[in-house]
Amino acid sequence: MDEKIFQMLEKIYVEVQGHTEEFKSVGSRLDSLEIEVKKLGAKIDGDLIPNDKALLDGYKDNAEHITIIDDKIDRLQVDMNGISMKVSYNDSRIIEISKDLKKAK
């Protein structure tokens, strides 16, 4: 009976040792993964975030310029409407004057 218990304990020990090696392997892989994640975080902080801020500033500048251009277009539209009304009025006056000249002949 003692021999069987010893063999079982030996089997368990061998299995535990195998799992211990696997855990060590997993641990070293996790360590290397952690290093890669830290590198990626540094790259994001160093490269992407400043670029992101620059892009955002560019979008803000573009939005401000678009607003200014929209305001100018609105003012031009008002001016064009005024000119269009004056042209229509002058066309009507020219037609009236032409009729008056034909009658006068």
Protein backbone atom coordinates (compact mmCIF):
# COMPACT_ATOMS: atom_id res chain seq x y z
CA MET A 1 0.00 0.00 0.00
CA ASP A 2 2.81 2.39 0.82
CA GLU A 3 4.35 1.64 -2.56
CA LYS A 4 1.09 2.61 -4.36
CA ILE A 5 0.82 5.83 -2.37
CA PHE A 6 4.44 6.61 -3.16
CA GLN A 7 3.86 5.98 -6.88
CA MET A 8 0.75 8.19 -6.85
CA LEU A 9 2.63 10.94 -5.05
CA GLU A 10 5.47 10.59 -7.53
CA LYS A 11 2.98 10.84 -10.43
CA ILE A 12 1.39 13.91 -8.87
CA TYR A 13 4.81 15.46 -8.33
CA VAL A 14 5.80 14.88 -11.97
CA GLU A 15 2.52 16.41 -13.18
CA VAL A 16 2.87 19.39 -10.86
CA GLN A 17 6.44 19.92 -12.10
CA GLY A 18 5.18 19.85 -15.69
CA HIS A 19 2.51 22.38 -14.87
CA THR A 20 5.03 24.50 -13.02
CA GLU A 21 7.16 24.67 -16.17
CA GLU A 22 4.07 25.61 -18.17
CA PHE A 23 3.26 28.35 -15.67
CA LYS A 24 6.82 29.66 -15.92
CA SER A 25 6.49 29.70 -19.71
CA VAL A 26 3.16 31.51 -19.51
CA GLY A 27 4.65 33.93 -17.00
CA SER A 28 7.55 34.81 -19.28
CA ARG A 29 5.16 35.24 -22.21
CA LEU A 30 3.04 37.56 -20.08
CA ASP A 31 6.14 39.53 -19.13
CA SER A 32 7.09 40.00 -22.79
CA LEU A 33 3.50 40.93 -23.61
CA GLU A 34 3.54 43.51 -20.82
CA ILE A 35 6.72 45.01 -22.28
CA GLU A 36 5.10 45.23 -25.72
CA VAL A 37 1.99 46.87 -24.27
CA LYS A 38 4.16 49.44 -22.50
CA LYS A 39 6.00 50.15 -25.76
CA LEU A 40 2.69 50.56 -27.54
CA GLY A 41 1.44 52.89 -24.81
CA ALA A 42 4.59 55.00 -25.14
CA LYS A 43 4.15 55.10 -28.89
CA ILE A 44 0.53 56.21 -28.53
CA ASP A 45 1.52 58.91 -26.05
CA GLY A 46 4.50 60.04 -28.12
CA ASP A 47 3.22 59.76 -31.67
CA LEU A 48 -0.53 59.55 -31.90
CA ILE A 49 -1.75 61.93 -29.21
CA PRO A 50 0.25 64.95 -30.50
CA ASN A 51 -0.93 64.15 -34.04
CA ASP A 52 -4.48 63.85 -32.77
CA LYS A 53 -4.24 67.28 -31.14
CA ALA A 54 -2.78 68.77 -34.31
CA LEU A 55 -5.62 67.30 -36.37
CA LEU A 56 -8.19 68.64 -33.93
CA ASP A 57 -6.62 72.10 -34.11
CA GLY A 58 -6.74 71.87 -37.90
CA TYR A 59 -10.42 70.93 -37.83
CA LYS A 60 -11.16 73.85 -35.50
CA ASP A 61 -9.33 76.26 -37.82
CA ASN A 62 -11.21 74.89 -40.81
CA ALA A 63 -14.53 75.22 -39.01
CA GLU A 64 -13.76 78.86 -38.15
CA HIS A 65 -12.81 79.61 -41.76
CA ILE A 66 -15.95 77.90 -43.04
CA THR A 67 -18.06 80.02 -40.69
CA ILE A 68 -16.37 83.19 -41.97
CA ILE A 69 -16.89 82.10 -45.58
CA ASP A 70 -20.55 81.25 -44.87
CA ASP A 71 -21.08 84.74 -43.44
CA LYS A 72 -19.49 86.32 -46.51
CA ILE A 73 -21.65 84.19 -48.81
CA ASP A 74 -24.76 85.26 -46.89
CA ARG A 75 -23.79 88.93 -47.30
CA LEU A 76 -23.09 88.39 -51.01
CA GLN A 77 -26.49 86.73 -51.41
CA VAL A 78 -28.18 89.74 -49.83
CA ASP A 79 -26.24 92.04 -52.17
CA MET A 80 -27.14 89.88 -55.19
CA ASN A 81 -30.82 89.97 -54.23
CA GLY A 82 -30.64 93.77 -54.04
CA ILE A 83 -28.93 93.99 -57.42
CA SER A 84 -31.44 91.59 -58.93
CA MET A 85 -34.34 93.74 -57.69
CA LYS A 86 -32.70 96.86 -59.14
CA VAL A 87 -32.13 95.14 -62.49
CA SER A 88 -35.78 94.05 -62.60
CA TYR A 89 -36.91 97.56 -61.74
CA ASN A 90 -34.62 99.07 -64.40
CA ASP A 91 -35.84 96.53 -66.98
CA SER A 92 -39.42 97.57 -66.24
CA ARG A 93 -38.50 101.25 -66.50
CA ILE A 94 -36.71 100.66 -69.84
CA ILE A 95 -39.80 98.90 -71.21
CA GLU A 96 -42.04 101.78 -70.03
CA ILE A 97 -39.71 104.36 -71.53
CA SER A 98 -39.57 102.41 -74.80
CA LYS A 99 -43.39 102.33 -74.94
CA ASP A 100 -43.54 106.07 -74.22
CA LEU A 101 -41.02 106.75 -77.00
CA LYS A 102 -43.04 104.66 -79.50
CA LYS A 103 -46.18 106.59 -78.60
CA ALA A 104 -44.38 109.89 -78.96
CA LYS A 105 -43.32 109.08 -82.54
